[in-house]
Amino acid sequence: MATKTWKLGEVCKGGIITVETKGNDVAIIGKEWDYSQGSNRGSNQSNAKEWCRAEFNVKETAGAYRQAFDFLHDLTTSYHAEQILEWIKDKVEEPHFFNWY
């Protein structure tokens, strides 16, 4: 299982995106910044409140890449959405199923 958190701040709704992958299963989680822990990127945001989530299997979900892109683009800029999708593609077991079409 691979997990990565992006602390994007003002260029992201809520400020934080966490992605968890296990095999071909992917969960993209939008989180609200926890200001009680600080407001800089170095602050501990492990207890940030989850407010939205998208889960899918890249092999079984038709258009998984497009679904993930649309969800991420609603949360942040297209640049950051593409960066996150590239990380996901590197971590799933069968990346050839994770394409735009």
PDB file of N, CA and C in Angstrom:
ATOM      1  N   MET A   1       0.845  -1.176   0.000  1.00  0.00           N
ATOM      2  CA  MET A   1       0.000   0.000   0.000  1.00  0.00           C
ATOM      3  C   MET A   1       0.892   1.241   0.000  1.00  0.00           C
ATOM      4  N   ALA A   2       0.589   2.137  -0.926  1.00  0.00           N
ATOM      5  CA  ALA A   2       1.332   3.395  -1.006  1.00  0.00           C
ATOM      6  C   ALA A   2       0.389   4.540  -0.666  1.00  0.00           C
ATOM      7  N   THR A   3       0.889   5.480   0.103  1.00  0.00           N
ATOM      8  CA  THR A   3       0.105   6.647   0.491  1.00  0.00           C
ATOM      9  C   THR A   3       0.966   7.895   0.333  1.00  0.00           C
ATOM     10  N   LYS A   4       0.360   8.946  -0.214  1.00  0.00           N
ATOM     11  CA  LYS A   4       1.070  10.221  -0.328  1.00  0.00           C
ATOM     12  C   LYS A   4       0.085  11.349  -0.077  1.00  0.00           C
ATOM     13  N   THR A   5       0.559  12.378   0.609  1.00  0.00           N
ATOM     14  CA  THR A   5      -0.256  13.546   0.914  1.00  0.00           C
ATOM     15  C   THR A   5       0.375  14.778   0.278  1.00  0.00           C
ATOM     16  N   TRP A   6      -0.460  15.537  -0.423  1.00  0.00           N
ATOM     17  CA  TRP A   6      -0.043  16.806  -1.017  1.00  0.00           C
ATOM     18  C   TRP A   6      -0.676  17.920  -0.193  1.00  0.00           C
ATOM     19  N   LYS A   7       0.154  18.796   0.360  1.00  0.00           N
ATOM     20  CA  LYS A   7      -0.326  19.968   1.103  1.00  0.00           C
ATOM     21  C   LYS A   7      -0.237  21.151   0.149  1.00  0.00           C
ATOM     22  N   LEU A   8      -1.331  21.405  -0.557  1.00  0.00           N
ATOM     23  CA  LEU A   8      -1.331  22.397  -1.619  1.00  0.00           C
ATOM     24  C   LEU A   8      -1.796  23.774  -1.165  1.00  0.00           C
ATOM     25  N   GLY A   9      -2.397  23.859  -0.012  1.00  0.00           N
ATOM     26  CA  GLY A   9      -2.823  25.143   0.523  1.00  0.00           C
ATOM     27  C   GLY A   9      -3.899  25.802  -0.314  1.00  0.00           C
ATOM     28  N   GLU A  10      -3.682  27.055  -0.683  1.00  0.00           N
ATOM     29  CA  GLU A  10      -4.724  27.851  -1.323  1.00  0.00           C
ATOM     30  C   GLU A  10      -5.045  27.446  -2.757  1.00  0.00           C
ATOM     31  N   VAL A  11      -4.244  26.598  -3.387  1.00  0.00           N
ATOM     32  CA  VAL A  11      -4.565  26.158  -4.750  1.00  0.00           C
ATOM     33  C   VAL A  11      -5.408  24.876  -4.752  1.00  0.00           C
ATOM     34  N   CYS A  12      -5.956  24.543  -3.594  1.00  0.00           N
ATOM     35  CA  CYS A  12      -6.733  23.315  -3.457  1.00  0.00           C
ATOM     36  C   CYS A  12      -7.885  23.540  -2.487  1.00  0.00           C
ATOM     37  N   LYS A  13      -9.078  23.071  -2.840  1.00  0.00           N
ATOM     38  CA  LYS A  13     -10.202  23.136  -1.907  1.00  0.00           C
ATOM     39  C   LYS A  13      -9.832  22.329  -0.667  1.00  0.00           C
ATOM     40  N   GLY A  14      -9.918  22.916   0.475  1.00  0.00           N
ATOM     41  CA  GLY A  14      -9.560  22.228   1.712  1.00  0.00           C
ATOM     42  C   GLY A  14      -8.081  22.291   2.005  1.00  0.00           C
ATOM     43  N   GLY A  15      -7.241  22.362   0.980  1.00  0.00           N
ATOM     44  CA  GLY A  15      -5.806  22.510   1.152  1.00  0.00           C
ATOM     45  C   GLY A  15      -4.985  21.245   1.088  1.00  0.00           C
ATOM     46  N   ILE A  16      -5.622  20.061   1.257  1.00  0.00           N
ATOM     47  CA  ILE A  16      -4.862  18.812   1.345  1.00  0.00           C
ATOM     48  C   ILE A  16      -5.519  17.739   0.481  1.00  0.00           C
ATOM     49  N   ILE A  17      -4.693  16.995  -0.250  1.00  0.00           N
ATOM     50  CA  ILE A  17      -5.164  15.823  -0.988  1.00  0.00           C
ATOM     51  C   ILE A  17      -4.290  14.649  -0.582  1.00  0.00           C
ATOM     52  N   THR A  18      -4.909  13.556  -0.183  1.00  0.00           N
ATOM     53  CA  THR A  18      -4.204  12.322   0.151  1.00  0.00           C
ATOM     54  C   THR A  18      -4.656  11.240  -0.821  1.00  0.00           C
ATOM     55  N   VAL A  19      -3.694  10.470  -1.325  1.00  0.00           N
ATOM     56  CA  VAL A  19      -4.000   9.367  -2.230  1.00  0.00           C
ATOM     57  C   VAL A  19      -3.461   8.085  -1.618  1.00  0.00           C
ATOM     58  N   GLU A  20      -4.310   7.055  -1.611  1.00  0.00           N
ATOM     59  CA  GLU A  20      -3.915   5.731  -1.123  1.00  0.00           C
ATOM     60  C   GLU A  20      -4.111   4.739  -2.259  1.00  0.00           C
ATOM     61  N   THR A  21      -3.096   3.917  -2.522  1.00  0.00           N
ATOM     62  CA  THR A  21      -3.219   2.875  -3.538  1.00  0.00           C
ATOM     63  C   THR A  21      -2.872   1.526  -2.919  1.00  0.00           C
ATOM     64  N   LYS A  22      -3.591   0.529  -3.352  1.00  0.00           N
ATOM     65  CA  LYS A  22      -3.311  -0.849  -2.943  1.00  0.00           C
ATOM     66  C   LYS A  22      -3.672  -1.721  -4.127  1.00  0.00           C
ATOM     67  N   GLY A  23      -2.669  -2.301  -4.768  1.00  0.00           N
ATOM     68  CA  GLY A  23      -2.917  -3.060  -5.992  1.00  0.00           C
ATOM     69  C   GLY A  23      -3.421  -2.119  -7.070  1.00  0.00           C
ATOM     70  N   ASN A  24      -4.619  -2.371  -7.565  1.00  0.00           N
ATOM     71  CA  ASN A  24      -5.255  -1.496  -8.545  1.00  0.00           C
ATOM     72  C   ASN A  24      -6.336  -0.619  -7.932  1.00  0.00           C
ATOM     73  N   ASP A  25      -6.517  -0.701  -6.617  1.00  0.00           N
ATOM     74  CA  ASP A  25      -7.506   0.124  -5.921  1.00  0.00           C
ATOM     75  C   ASP A  25      -6.892   1.469  -5.552  1.00  0.00           C
ATOM     76  N   VAL A  26      -7.639   2.530  -5.833  1.00  0.00           N
ATOM     77  CA  VAL A  26      -7.163   3.887  -5.565  1.00  0.00           C
ATOM     78  C   VAL A  26      -8.229   4.640  -4.784  1.00  0.00           C
ATOM     79  N   ALA A  27      -7.796   5.378  -3.772  1.00  0.00           N
ATOM     80  CA  ALA A  27      -8.682   6.274  -3.026  1.00  0.00           C
ATOM     81  C   ALA A  27      -8.051   7.664  -3.038  1.00  0.00           C
ATOM     82  N   ILE A  28      -8.818   8.644  -3.501  1.00  0.00           N
ATOM     83  CA  ILE A  28      -8.380  10.037  -3.491  1.00  0.00           C
ATOM     84  C   ILE A  28      -9.225  10.753  -2.447  1.00  0.00           C
ATOM     85  N   ILE A  29      -8.563  11.378  -1.480  1.00  0.00           N
ATOM     86  CA  ILE A  29      -9.257  11.966  -0.336  1.00  0.00           C
ATOM     87  C   ILE A  29      -8.934  13.458  -0.236  1.00  0.00           C
ATOM     88  N   GLY A  30      -9.981  14.268  -0.209  1.00  0.00           N
ATOM     89  CA  GLY A  30      -9.817  15.696   0.031  1.00  0.00           C
ATOM     90  C   GLY A  30      -9.962  15.958   1.517  1.00  0.00           C
ATOM     91  N   LYS A  31      -9.043  16.741   2.072  1.00  0.00           N
ATOM     92  CA  LYS A  31      -9.072  17.019   3.508  1.00  0.00           C
ATOM     93  C   LYS A  31      -9.039  18.516   3.761  1.00  0.00           C
ATOM     94  N   GLU A  32      -9.637  18.904   4.876  1.00  0.00           N
ATOM     95  CA  GLU A  32      -9.667  20.298   5.316  1.00  0.00           C
ATOM     96  C   GLU A  32      -8.440  20.563   6.187  1.00  0.00           C
ATOM     97  N   TRP A  33      -7.719  21.633   5.892  1.00  0.00           N
ATOM     98  CA  TRP A  33      -6.510  21.974   6.635  1.00  0.00           C
ATOM     99  C   TRP A  33      -6.837  22.153   8.117  1.00  0.00           C
ATOM    100  N   ASP A  34      -6.035  21.550   8.982  1.00  0.00           N
ATOM    101  CA  ASP A  34      -6.211  21.655  10.426  1.00  0.00           C
ATOM    102  C   ASP A  34      -5.336  22.792  10.958  1.00  0.00           C
ATOM    103  N   TYR A  35      -5.920  23.977  11.079  1.00  0.00           N
ATOM    104  CA  TYR A  35      -5.152  25.151  11.495  1.00  0.00           C
ATOM    105  C   TYR A  35      -4.716  25.089  12.956  1.00  0.00           C
ATOM    106  N   SER A  36      -5.287  24.193  13.740  1.00  0.00           N
ATOM    107  CA  SER A  36      -4.836  24.066  15.124  1.00  0.00           C
ATOM    108  C   SER A  36      -3.413  23.500  15.189  1.00  0.00           C
ATOM    109  N   GLN A  37      -2.960  22.874  14.093  1.00  0.00           N
ATOM    110  CA  GLN A  37      -1.605  22.315  14.032  1.00  0.00           C
ATOM    111  C   GLN A  37      -0.615  23.265  13.359  1.00  0.00           C
ATOM    112  N   GLY A  38      -1.115  24.389  12.875  1.00  0.00           N
ATOM    113  CA  GLY A  38      -0.242  25.356  12.205  1.00  0.00           C
ATOM    114  C   GLY A  38      -0.706  25.597  10.781  1.00  0.00           C
ATOM    115  N   SER A  39      -0.157  26.645  10.177  1.00  0.00           N
ATOM    116  CA  SER A  39      -0.603  27.005   8.838  1.00  0.00           C
ATOM    117  C   SER A  39       0.471  26.836   7.769  1.00  0.00           C
ATOM    118  N   ASN A  40       1.655  26.356   8.136  1.00  0.00           N
ATOM    119  CA  ASN A  40       2.691  26.170   7.120  1.00  0.00           C
ATOM    120  C   ASN A  40       2.731  24.725   6.628  1.00  0.00           C
ATOM    121  N   ARG A  41       3.397  24.512   5.524  1.00  0.00           N
ATOM    122  CA  ARG A  41       3.444  23.169   4.920  1.00  0.00           C
ATOM    123  C   ARG A  41       4.115  22.131   5.803  1.00  0.00           C
ATOM    124  N   GLY A  42       4.963  22.558   6.695  1.00  0.00           N
ATOM    125  CA  GLY A  42       5.652  21.631   7.584  1.00  0.00           C
ATOM    126  C   GLY A  42       4.818  21.181   8.769  1.00  0.00           C
ATOM    127  N   SER A  43       3.612  21.718   8.897  1.00  0.00           N
ATOM    128  CA  SER A  43       2.778  21.357  10.046  1.00  0.00           C
ATOM    129  C   SER A  43       2.225  19.941   9.903  1.00  0.00           C
ATOM    130  N   ASN A  44       1.961  19.317  11.033  1.00  0.00           N
ATOM    131  CA  ASN A  44       1.428  17.954  11.055  1.00  0.00           C
ATOM    132  C   ASN A  44      -0.059  17.993  10.708  1.00  0.00           C
ATOM    133  N   GLN A  45      -0.417  17.470   9.551  1.00  0.00           N
ATOM    134  CA  GLN A  45      -1.809  17.468   9.106  1.00  0.00           C
ATOM    135  C   GLN A  45      -2.396  16.053   9.080  1.00  0.00           C
ATOM    136  N   SER A  46      -1.821  15.149   9.862  1.00  0.00           N
ATOM    137  CA  SER A  46      -2.283  13.760   9.863  1.00  0.00           C
ATOM    138  C   SER A  46      -3.704  13.615  10.408  1.00  0.00           C
ATOM    139  N   ASN A  47      -4.149  14.567  11.218  1.00  0.00           N
ATOM    140  CA  ASN A  47      -5.504  14.499  11.773  1.00  0.00           C
ATOM    141  C   ASN A  47      -6.483  15.425  11.054  1.00  0.00           C
ATOM    142  N   ALA A  48      -6.116  15.869   9.864  1.00  0.00           N
ATOM    143  CA  ALA A  48      -6.993  16.755   9.106  1.00  0.00           C
ATOM    144  C   ALA A  48      -8.297  16.026   8.777  1.00  0.00           C
ATOM    145  N   LYS A  49      -9.396  16.773   8.819  1.00  0.00           N
ATOM    146  CA  LYS A  49     -10.724  16.196   8.631  1.00  0.00           C
ATOM    147  C   LYS A  49     -10.993  15.897   7.149  1.00  0.00           C
ATOM    148  N   GLU A  50     -11.394  14.662   6.869  1.00  0.00           N
ATOM    149  CA  GLU A  50     -11.754  14.258   5.508  1.00  0.00           C
ATOM    150  C   GLU A  50     -13.117  14.835   5.148  1.00  0.00           C
ATOM    151  N   TRP A  51     -13.251  15.408   3.961  1.00  0.00           N
ATOM    152  CA  TRP A  51     -14.551  15.964   3.569  1.00  0.00           C
ATOM    153  C   TRP A  51     -15.036  15.465   2.212  1.00  0.00           C
ATOM    154  N   CYS A  52     -14.182  14.858   1.400  1.00  0.00           N
ATOM    155  CA  CYS A  52     -14.654  14.229   0.161  1.00  0.00           C
ATOM    156  C   CYS A  52     -13.710  13.093  -0.208  1.00  0.00           C
ATOM    157  N   ARG A  53     -14.241  12.132  -0.964  1.00  0.00           N
ATOM    158  CA  ARG A  53     -13.459  10.941  -1.302  1.00  0.00           C
ATOM    159  C   ARG A  53     -13.961  10.345  -2.612  1.00  0.00           C
ATOM    160  N   ALA A  54     -13.035   9.830  -3.395  1.00  0.00           N
ATOM    161  CA  ALA A  54     -13.370   9.071  -4.607  1.00  0.00           C
ATOM    162  C   ALA A  54     -12.557   7.783  -4.569  1.00  0.00           C
ATOM    163  N   GLU A  55     -13.226   6.661  -4.787  1.00  0.00           N
ATOM    164  CA  GLU A  55     -12.548   5.366  -4.789  1.00  0.00           C
ATOM    165  C   GLU A  55     -12.883   4.631  -6.077  1.00  0.00           C
ATOM    166  N   PHE A  56     -11.897   3.950  -6.633  1.00  0.00           N
ATOM    167  CA  PHE A  56     -12.132   3.175  -7.846  1.00  0.00           C
ATOM    168  C   PHE A  56     -11.013   2.160  -8.027  1.00  0.00           C
ATOM    169  N   ASN A  57     -11.248   1.211  -8.907  1.00  0.00           N
ATOM    170  CA  ASN A  57     -10.270   0.209  -9.296  1.00  0.00           C
ATOM    171  C   ASN A  57      -9.890   0.520 -10.734  1.00  0.00           C
ATOM    172  N   VAL A  58      -8.606   0.717 -11.009  1.00  0.00           N
ATOM    173  CA  VAL A  58      -8.195   1.156 -12.341  1.00  0.00           C
ATOM    174  C   VAL A  58      -8.469   0.104 -13.418  1.00  0.00           C
ATOM    175  N   LYS A  59      -8.527  -1.152 -13.037  1.00  0.00           N
ATOM    176  CA  LYS A  59      -8.765  -2.214 -14.017  1.00  0.00           C
ATOM    177  C   LYS A  59     -10.260  -2.415 -14.267  1.00  0.00           C
ATOM    178  N   GLU A  60     -11.072  -2.269 -13.239  1.00  0.00           N
ATOM    179  CA  GLU A  60     -12.497  -2.583 -13.355  1.00  0.00           C
ATOM    180  C   GLU A  60     -13.377  -1.374 -13.652  1.00  0.00           C
ATOM    181  N   THR A  61     -12.889  -0.171 -13.427  1.00  0.00           N
ATOM    182  CA  THR A  61     -13.684   1.042 -13.630  1.00  0.00           C
ATOM    183  C   THR A  61     -13.401   1.609 -15.012  1.00  0.00           C
ATOM    184  N   ALA A  62     -14.417   1.636 -15.863  1.00  0.00           N
ATOM    185  CA  ALA A  62     -14.250   2.213 -17.200  1.00  0.00           C
ATOM    186  C   ALA A  62     -13.992   3.713 -17.058  1.00  0.00           C
ATOM    187  N   GLY A  63     -12.967   4.207 -17.733  1.00  0.00           N
ATOM    188  CA  GLY A  63     -12.648   5.624 -17.672  1.00  0.00           C
ATOM    189  C   GLY A  63     -12.114   6.066 -16.325  1.00  0.00           C
ATOM    190  N   ALA A  64     -11.371   5.206 -15.651  1.00  0.00           N
ATOM    191  CA  ALA A  64     -10.870   5.521 -14.309  1.00  0.00           C
ATOM    192  C   ALA A  64      -9.984   6.763 -14.319  1.00  0.00           C
ATOM    193  N   TYR A  65      -9.147   6.900 -15.337  1.00  0.00           N
ATOM    194  CA  TYR A  65      -8.260   8.065 -15.411  1.00  0.00           C
ATOM    195  C   TYR A  65      -9.083   9.336 -15.516  1.00  0.00           C
ATOM    196  N   ARG A  66     -10.089   9.309 -16.390  1.00  0.00           N
ATOM    197  CA  ARG A  66     -10.924  10.507 -16.578  1.00  0.00           C
ATOM    198  C   ARG A  66     -11.715  10.826 -15.302  1.00  0.00           C
ATOM    199  N   GLN A  67     -12.225   9.787 -14.645  1.00  0.00           N
ATOM    200  CA  GLN A  67     -12.939   9.984 -13.376  1.00  0.00           C
ATOM    201  C   GLN A  67     -12.026  10.638 -12.340  1.00  0.00           C
ATOM    202  N   ALA A  68     -10.814  10.117 -12.225  1.00  0.00           N
ATOM    203  CA  ALA A  68      -9.854  10.645 -11.257  1.00  0.00           C
ATOM    204  C   ALA A  68      -9.474  12.080 -11.618  1.00  0.00           C
ATOM    205  N   PHE A  69      -9.241  12.337 -12.917  1.00  0.00           N
ATOM    206  CA  PHE A  69      -8.876  13.692 -13.340  1.00  0.00           C
ATOM    207  C   PHE A  69      -9.992  14.678 -13.031  1.00  0.00           C
ATOM    208  N   ASP A  70     -11.224  14.318 -13.353  1.00  0.00           N
ATOM    209  CA  ASP A  70     -12.355  15.217 -13.097  1.00  0.00           C
ATOM    210  C   ASP A  70     -12.511  15.503 -11.604  1.00  0.00           C
ATOM    211  N   PHE A  71     -12.353  14.475 -10.772  1.00  0.00           N
ATOM    212  CA  PHE A  71     -12.460  14.654  -9.325  1.00  0.00           C
ATOM    213  C   PHE A  71     -11.347  15.579  -8.821  1.00  0.00           C
ATOM    214  N   LEU A  72     -10.115  15.311  -9.267  1.00  0.00           N
ATOM    215  CA  LEU A  72      -8.987  16.122  -8.832  1.00  0.00           C
ATOM    216  C   LEU A  72      -9.081  17.548  -9.360  1.00  0.00           C
ATOM    217  N   HIS A  73      -9.529  17.693 -10.597  1.00  0.00           N
ATOM    218  CA  HIS A  73      -9.616  19.035 -11.180  1.00  0.00           C
ATOM    219  C   HIS A  73     -10.670  19.874 -10.459  1.00  0.00           C
ATOM    220  N   ASP A  74     -11.667  19.221  -9.882  1.00  0.00           N
ATOM    221  CA  ASP A  74     -12.633  19.947  -9.073  1.00  0.00           C
ATOM    222  C   ASP A  74     -12.003  20.438  -7.764  1.00  0.00           C
ATOM    223  N   LEU A  75     -10.978  19.731  -7.292  1.00  0.00           N
ATOM    224  CA  LEU A  75     -10.311  20.102  -6.041  1.00  0.00           C
ATOM    225  C   LEU A  75      -9.164  21.082  -6.235  1.00  0.00           C
ATOM    226  N   THR A  76      -8.463  20.976  -7.369  1.00  0.00           N
ATOM    227  CA  THR A  76      -7.241  21.757  -7.541  1.00  0.00           C
ATOM    228  C   THR A  76      -7.036  22.103  -9.016  1.00  0.00           C
ATOM    229  N   THR A  77      -5.878  22.632  -9.343  1.00  0.00           N
ATOM    230  CA  THR A  77      -5.571  23.025 -10.714  1.00  0.00           C
ATOM    231  C   THR A  77      -5.254  21.793 -11.572  1.00  0.00           C
ATOM    232  N   SER A  78      -5.318  21.975 -12.877  1.00  0.00           N
ATOM    233  CA  SER A  78      -5.013  20.856 -13.769  1.00  0.00           C
ATOM    234  C   SER A  78      -3.551  20.425 -13.638  1.00  0.00           C
ATOM    235  N   TYR A  79      -2.652  21.355 -13.358  1.00  0.00           N
ATOM    236  CA  TYR A  79      -1.243  21.006 -13.160  1.00  0.00           C
ATOM    237  C   TYR A  79      -1.084  20.021 -12.004  1.00  0.00           C
ATOM    238  N   HIS A  80      -1.657  20.356 -10.849  1.00  0.00           N
ATOM    239  CA  HIS A  80      -1.533  19.472  -9.692  1.00  0.00           C
ATOM    240  C   HIS A  80      -2.290  18.168  -9.917  1.00  0.00           C
ATOM    241  N   ALA A  81      -3.420  18.217 -10.608  1.00  0.00           N
ATOM    242  CA  ALA A  81      -4.173  16.996 -10.915  1.00  0.00           C
ATOM    243  C   ALA A  81      -3.302  16.043 -11.734  1.00  0.00           C
ATOM    244  N   GLU A  82      -2.611  16.556 -12.745  1.00  0.00           N
ATOM    245  CA  GLU A  82      -1.731  15.722 -13.574  1.00  0.00           C
ATOM    246  C   GLU A  82      -0.565  15.153 -12.773  1.00  0.00           C
ATOM    247  N   GLN A  83       0.017  15.952 -11.878  1.00  0.00           N
ATOM    248  CA  GLN A  83       1.117  15.474 -11.045  1.00  0.00           C
ATOM    249  C   GLN A  83       0.661  14.306 -10.158  1.00  0.00           C
ATOM    250  N   ILE A  84      -0.517  14.425  -9.586  1.00  0.00           N
ATOM    251  CA  ILE A  84      -1.059  13.374  -8.724  1.00  0.00           C
ATOM    252  C   ILE A  84      -1.381  12.129  -9.539  1.00  0.00           C
ATOM    253  N   LEU A  85      -1.947  12.308 -10.733  1.00  0.00           N
ATOM    254  CA  LEU A  85      -2.276  11.164 -11.591  1.00  0.00           C
ATOM    255  C   LEU A  85      -1.019  10.416 -12.023  1.00  0.00           C
ATOM    256  N   GLU A  86       0.064  11.138 -12.295  1.00  0.00           N
ATOM    257  CA  GLU A  86       1.324  10.477 -12.647  1.00  0.00           C
ATOM    258  C   GLU A  86       1.831   9.634 -11.476  1.00  0.00           C
ATOM    259  N   TRP A  87       1.688  10.141 -10.250  1.00  0.00           N
ATOM    260  CA  TRP A  87       2.106   9.374  -9.074  1.00  0.00           C
ATOM    261  C   TRP A  87       1.254   8.106  -8.953  1.00  0.00           C
ATOM    262  N   ILE A  88      -0.052   8.250  -9.161  1.00  0.00           N
ATOM    263  CA  ILE A  88      -0.948   7.091  -9.091  1.00  0.00           C
ATOM    264  C   ILE A  88      -0.539   6.047 -10.132  1.00  0.00           C
ATOM    265  N   LYS A  89      -0.278   6.513 -11.353  1.00  0.00           N
ATOM    266  CA  LYS A  89       0.093   5.587 -12.437  1.00  0.00           C
ATOM    267  C   LYS A  89       1.362   4.805 -12.091  1.00  0.00           C
ATOM    268  N   ASP A  90       2.303   5.431 -11.392  1.00  0.00           N
ATOM    269  CA  ASP A  90       3.532   4.756 -10.978  1.00  0.00           C
ATOM    270  C   ASP A  90       3.295   3.727  -9.884  1.00  0.00           C
ATOM    271  N   LYS A  91       2.217   3.876  -9.115  1.00  0.00           N
ATOM    272  CA  LYS A  91       1.997   3.021  -7.950  1.00  0.00           C
ATOM    273  C   LYS A  91       1.028   1.858  -8.178  1.00  0.00           C
ATOM    274  N   VAL A  92       0.137   1.934  -9.172  1.00  0.00           N
ATOM    275  CA  VAL A  92      -0.823   0.844  -9.378  1.00  0.00           C
ATOM    276  C   VAL A  92      -0.130  -0.336 -10.051  1.00  0.00           C
ATOM    277  N   GLU A  93      -0.682  -1.538  -9.860  1.00  0.00           N
ATOM    278  CA  GLU A  93      -0.069  -2.758 -10.395  1.00  0.00           C
ATOM    279  C   GLU A  93      -0.149  -2.843 -11.917  1.00  0.00           C
ATOM    280  N   GLU A  94      -1.243  -2.358 -12.496  1.00  0.00           N
ATOM    281  CA  GLU A  94      -1.428  -2.457 -13.947  1.00  0.00           C
ATOM    282  C   GLU A  94      -1.680  -1.070 -14.537  1.00  0.00           C
ATOM    283  N   PRO A  95      -0.609  -0.277 -14.703  1.00  0.00           N
ATOM    284  CA  PRO A  95      -0.781   1.107 -15.142  1.00  0.00           C
ATOM    285  C   PRO A  95      -1.312   1.238 -16.569  1.00  0.00           C
ATOM    286  N   HIS A  96      -1.188   0.194 -17.385  1.00  0.00           N
ATOM    287  CA  HIS A  96      -1.678   0.288 -18.765  1.00  0.00           C
ATOM    288  C   HIS A  96      -3.202   0.406 -18.821  1.00  0.00           C
ATOM    289  N   PHE A  97      -3.908   0.072 -17.745  1.00  0.00           N
ATOM    290  CA  PHE A  97      -5.354   0.268 -17.682  1.00  0.00           C
ATOM    291  C   PHE A  97      -5.724   1.704 -17.294  1.00  0.00           C
ATOM    292  N   PHE A  98      -4.748   2.441 -16.792  1.00  0.00           N
ATOM    293  CA  PHE A  98      -4.998   3.792 -16.279  1.00  0.00           C
ATOM    294  C   PHE A  98      -4.616   4.821 -17.327  1.00  0.00           C
ATOM    295  N   ASN A  99      -5.460   4.951 -18.354  1.00  0.00           N
ATOM    296  CA  ASN A  99      -5.219   5.877 -19.461  1.00  0.00           C
ATOM    297  C   ASN A  99      -6.392   6.822 -19.619  1.00  0.00           C
ATOM    298  N   TRP A 100      -6.178   7.879 -20.408  1.00  0.00           N
ATOM    299  CA  TRP A 100      -7.203   8.904 -20.611  1.00  0.00           C
ATOM    300  C   TRP A 100      -8.458   8.347 -21.261  1.00  0.00           C
ATOM    301  N   TYR A 101      -8.339   7.471 -22.215  1.00  0.00           N
ATOM    302  CA  TYR A 101      -9.479   6.956 -22.973  1.00  0.00           C
ATOM    303  C   TYR A 101     -10.186   5.832 -22.272  1.00  0.00           C
TER     304      TYR A 101
END
